[in-house]
């Protein structure tokens, strides 16, 4: 048996094992399906489309307020284009002819429509205001007592003859009844003009226009 100790002969290489082949990557797990949104069951008293939240309510309220503002502004603009006008009776009116009035009488034909009495005695015709000088009520003509009596607070005014007609003598009335201008036009028609007033306290009952001579 040969002695191999101390010899320089190369020894045979021992073959090494090959590295193991990499394992194939495992397939990625499939994505889990998204759960369907849970549908709420409709209650028996569910308002449906009328169901709203606080934000929707405030938004709807804001639109309604804005619409109301537009409507109000439009109506105001239209009212400015058509101002309200108070139609009143003209201050003057025709009251027939002198012969329509019986001497020593108080005619109440125009009491309701014009608030005027036409009073005639044996010498003149006058137009007396049917407005109490106390608080503006309409007095009553009391022929049996020959006076005008206010039903509101008891003011009394004298009756015929026309020299004293309308002078206050009882109650709280502060002054006599007003007299309106009374004239006869070219056609012989009596015209009463309530824009011209004659006051007893100023001595105006004898002025032209305060009465018609008959």
Protein backbone atom coordinates (compact mmCIF):
# COMPACT_ATOMS: atom_id res chain seq x y z
CA UNK A 1 0.00 0.00 0.00
CA UNK A 2 1.68 3.15 -1.08
CA UNK A 3 2.37 5.80 1.46
CA UNK A 4 0.66 8.97 0.40
CA UNK A 5 1.56 11.07 3.40
CA UNK A 6 3.61 14.10 2.57
CA UNK A 7 2.99 13.92 -1.18
CA UNK A 8 1.99 17.00 -3.20
CA UNK A 9 -0.48 15.33 -5.48
CA UNK A 10 -3.77 17.19 -5.82
CA UNK A 11 -6.80 15.64 -4.43
CA UNK A 12 -9.98 15.28 -6.43
CA UNK A 13 -12.63 18.10 -5.92
CA UNK A 14 -15.74 17.04 -4.14
CA UNK A 15 -18.75 18.15 -6.14
CA UNK A 16 -21.08 20.56 -4.25
CA UNK A 17 -24.85 20.30 -4.30
CA UNK A 18 -26.69 22.84 -6.53
CA UNK A 19 -28.81 25.43 -4.68
CA UNK A 20 -32.44 24.55 -4.59
CA UNK A 21 -34.62 26.22 -7.24
CA UNK A 22 -36.78 29.08 -5.93
CA UNK A 23 -40.32 28.18 -5.23
CA UNK A 24 -42.88 29.82 -7.44
CA UNK A 25 -44.62 32.79 -5.82
CA UNK A 26 -47.92 31.95 -4.33
CA UNK A 27 -50.83 33.57 -6.22
CA UNK A 28 -52.21 36.71 -4.58
CA UNK A 29 -55.42 36.03 -2.75
CA UNK A 30 -58.50 37.23 -4.64
CA UNK A 31 -60.01 40.49 -3.39
CA UNK A 32 -62.92 39.93 -1.17
CA UNK A 33 -66.20 41.17 -2.74
CA UNK A 34 -67.42 44.50 -1.36
CA UNK A 35 -70.40 44.09 0.84
CA UNK A 36 -73.58 45.53 -0.58
CA UNK A 37 -74.87 48.59 1.28
CA UNK A 38 -77.39 47.68 3.78
CA UNK A 39 -80.82 48.78 2.69
CA UNK A 40 -82.98 50.27 5.37
CA UNK A 41 -86.37 48.87 5.62
CA UNK A 42 -89.07 51.49 5.08
CA UNK A 43 -91.10 52.01 8.15
CA UNK A 44 -94.84 52.22 7.95
CA UNK A 45 -94.76 55.93 8.87
CA UNK A 46 -91.71 56.82 6.76
CA UNK A 47 -92.34 60.17 4.99
CA UNK A 48 -90.38 59.03 1.95
CA UNK A 49 -89.26 61.87 -0.30
CA UNK A 50 -90.45 64.38 2.31
CA UNK A 51 -87.83 63.16 4.75
CA UNK A 52 -85.31 65.97 5.21
CA UNK A 53 -82.48 66.96 7.43
CA UNK A 54 -81.64 70.15 9.24
CA UNK A 55 -79.47 71.42 6.41
CA UNK A 56 -82.14 70.82 3.79
CA UNK A 57 -84.73 72.49 5.96
CA UNK A 58 -82.60 75.62 6.43
CA UNK A 59 -81.85 75.76 2.74
CA UNK A 60 -85.51 75.49 1.82
CA UNK A 61 -86.42 78.12 4.40
CA UNK A 62 -83.81 80.47 2.96
CA UNK A 63 -85.22 80.12 -0.56
CA UNK A 64 -88.73 80.72 0.68
CA UNK A 65 -87.62 83.87 2.51
CA UNK A 66 -85.87 85.12 -0.61
CA UNK A 67 -88.95 84.43 -2.73
CA UNK A 68 -91.12 86.27 -0.20
CA UNK A 69 -88.77 89.26 -0.36
CA UNK A 70 -89.01 89.36 -4.14
CA UNK A 71 -92.81 89.20 -4.06
CA UNK A 72 -93.02 91.97 -1.44
CA UNK A 73 -90.61 94.19 -3.36
CA UNK A 74 -92.54 93.65 -6.59
CA UNK A 75 -95.87 94.52 -4.97
CA UNK A 76 -94.33 97.64 -3.41
CA UNK A 77 -92.98 98.77 -6.77
CA UNK A 78 -96.36 98.25 -8.41
CA UNK A 79 -98.13 100.21 -5.67
CA UNK A 80 -95.74 103.11 -6.25
CA UNK A 81 -96.75 103.10 -9.90
CA UNK A 82 -100.44 103.25 -8.96
CA UNK A 83 -100.79 105.53 -5.89
CA UNK A 84 -103.97 105.29 -3.89
CA UNK A 85 -106.26 108.24 -4.40
CA UNK A 86 -109.07 109.15 -2.08
CA UNK A 87 -112.05 110.23 -4.12
CA UNK A 88 -114.29 112.70 -2.33
CA UNK A 89 -117.39 114.55 -3.32
CA UNK A 90 -116.67 117.92 -4.94
CA UNK A 91 -116.98 120.81 -2.48
CA UNK A 92 -119.83 122.43 -4.41
CA UNK A 93 -123.18 121.00 -5.44
CA UNK A 94 -126.44 122.18 -6.94
CA UNK A 95 -129.46 122.32 -4.63
CA UNK A 96 -132.41 123.08 -6.89
CA UNK A 97 -134.24 126.41 -7.14
CA UNK A 98 -135.37 128.72 -4.31
CA UNK A 99 -139.03 127.79 -4.78
CA UNK A 100 -138.19 124.19 -3.85
CA UNK A 101 -137.90 125.28 -0.22
CA UNK A 102 -140.91 126.13 1.91
CA UNK A 103 -140.56 129.21 4.16
CA UNK A 104 -139.87 128.58 7.85
CA UNK A 105 -138.62 125.01 7.28
CA UNK A 106 -135.39 123.05 7.58
CA UNK A 107 -134.83 120.88 4.50
CA UNK A 108 -132.86 117.67 5.15
CA UNK A 109 -132.54 116.50 1.55
CA UNK A 110 -128.74 116.87 1.55
CA UNK A 111 -128.13 115.94 5.18
CA UNK A 112 -126.85 112.42 4.46
CA UNK A 113 -125.06 112.97 1.14
CA UNK A 114 -123.53 116.40 1.78
CA UNK A 115 -124.07 116.91 5.53
CA UNK A 116 -125.86 120.18 4.82
CA UNK A 117 -129.25 121.59 5.82
CA UNK A 118 -130.96 124.13 3.58
CA UNK A 119 -132.90 126.48 5.87
CA UNK A 120 -135.41 129.06 4.70
CA UNK A 121 -137.37 131.64 6.61
CA UNK A 122 -139.42 134.57 5.28
CA UNK A 123 -136.37 136.62 4.23
CA UNK A 124 -133.45 134.38 3.27
CA UNK A 125 -132.10 130.91 2.51
CA UNK A 126 -128.95 129.65 4.22
CA UNK A 127 -126.83 126.47 4.01
CA UNK A 128 -126.02 125.12 7.48
CA UNK A 129 -123.31 122.53 8.17
CA UNK A 130 -124.69 119.32 9.68
CA UNK A 131 -121.45 118.69 11.57
CA UNK A 132 -121.41 119.27 15.33
CA UNK A 133 -118.63 121.65 16.32
CA UNK A 134 -117.86 119.53 19.39
CA UNK A 135 -116.64 116.20 17.99
CA UNK A 136 -118.08 116.06 14.48
CA UNK A 137 -121.26 114.05 15.02
CA UNK A 138 -124.38 114.74 12.97
CA UNK A 139 -127.04 116.58 14.99
CA UNK A 140 -130.77 115.94 14.57
CA UNK A 141 -133.35 118.52 13.61
CA UNK A 142 -136.12 118.58 16.20
CA UNK A 143 -138.89 120.62 14.59
CA UNK A 144 -141.17 120.44 17.65
CA UNK A 145 -138.46 122.04 19.79
CA UNK A 146 -137.12 124.28 17.01
CA UNK A 147 -133.53 123.23 17.59
CA UNK A 148 -130.73 120.99 16.38
CA UNK A 149 -129.69 118.40 18.97
CA UNK A 150 -126.51 116.32 18.84
CA UNK A 151 -127.14 112.71 19.98
CA UNK A 152 -123.53 112.16 21.00
CA UNK A 153 -122.96 114.60 23.85
CA UNK A 154 -126.10 116.73 23.96
CA UNK A 155 -124.97 119.89 22.21
CA UNK A 156 -127.91 122.07 21.18
CA UNK A 157 -128.18 124.68 18.40
CA UNK A 158 -131.04 127.10 17.76
CA UNK A 159 -133.46 126.73 14.86
CA UNK A 160 -135.48 129.37 13.01
CA UNK A 161 -135.38 132.20 12.10
CA UNK A 162 -132.16 132.21 10.09
CA UNK A 163 -130.75 135.09 12.10
CA UNK A 164 -130.14 132.63 14.93
CA UNK A 165 -130.08 129.30 13.08
CA UNK A 166 -127.15 127.19 14.28
CA UNK A 167 -126.11 129.23 17.31
CA UNK A 168 -125.02 126.94 20.14
CA UNK A 169 -126.82 127.37 23.44
CA UNK A 170 -126.48 124.10 25.38
CA UNK A 171 -124.05 121.24 25.78
CA UNK A 172 -120.29 121.15 25.14
CA UNK A 173 -120.32 122.63 21.61
CA UNK A 174 -117.69 125.41 21.62
CA UNK A 175 -119.23 127.50 18.82
CA UNK A 176 -122.09 127.81 16.35
CA UNK A 177 -122.60 125.58 13.32
CA UNK A 178 -120.72 126.63 10.19
CA UNK A 179 -122.50 128.19 7.23
CA UNK A 180 -121.45 127.44 3.66
CA UNK A 181 -121.48 129.79 0.74
CA UNK A 182 -124.84 129.73 -1.05
CA UNK A 183 -125.51 131.53 -4.34
CA UNK A 184 -127.81 131.40 -7.36
CA UNK A 185 -126.17 130.84 -10.77
CA UNK A 186 -127.22 132.40 -14.07
CA UNK A 187 -129.77 129.63 -14.62
CA UNK A 188 -131.50 130.31 -11.31
CA UNK A 189 -130.06 127.19 -9.63
CA UNK A 190 -128.88 127.30 -6.02
CA UNK A 191 -125.19 126.37 -5.68
CA UNK A 192 -123.70 125.49 -2.29
CA UNK A 193 -119.91 125.69 -2.00
CA UNK A 194 -118.45 123.97 1.09
CA UNK A 195 -114.99 125.31 0.39
CA UNK A 196 -116.14 128.77 1.56
CA UNK A 197 -117.15 128.99 5.22
CA UNK A 198 -118.79 131.76 7.22
CA UNK A 199 -118.32 131.87 11.01
CA UNK A 200 -120.76 133.43 13.48
CA UNK A 201 -117.95 134.20 15.95
CA UNK A 202 -116.24 136.41 13.36
CA UNK A 203 -119.41 138.23 12.37
CA UNK A 204 -119.39 136.74 8.87
CA UNK A 205 -123.06 135.73 8.58
CA UNK A 206 -123.97 139.06 7.01
CA UNK A 207 -121.31 138.88 4.30
CA UNK A 208 -122.26 138.36 0.64
CA UNK A 209 -122.55 134.65 -0.12
CA UNK A 210 -123.63 133.72 3.41
CA UNK A 211 -127.30 133.72 2.42
CA UNK A 212 -129.75 134.23 -0.47
CA UNK A 213 -132.32 136.98 -0.18
CA UNK A 214 -135.88 135.87 -1.07
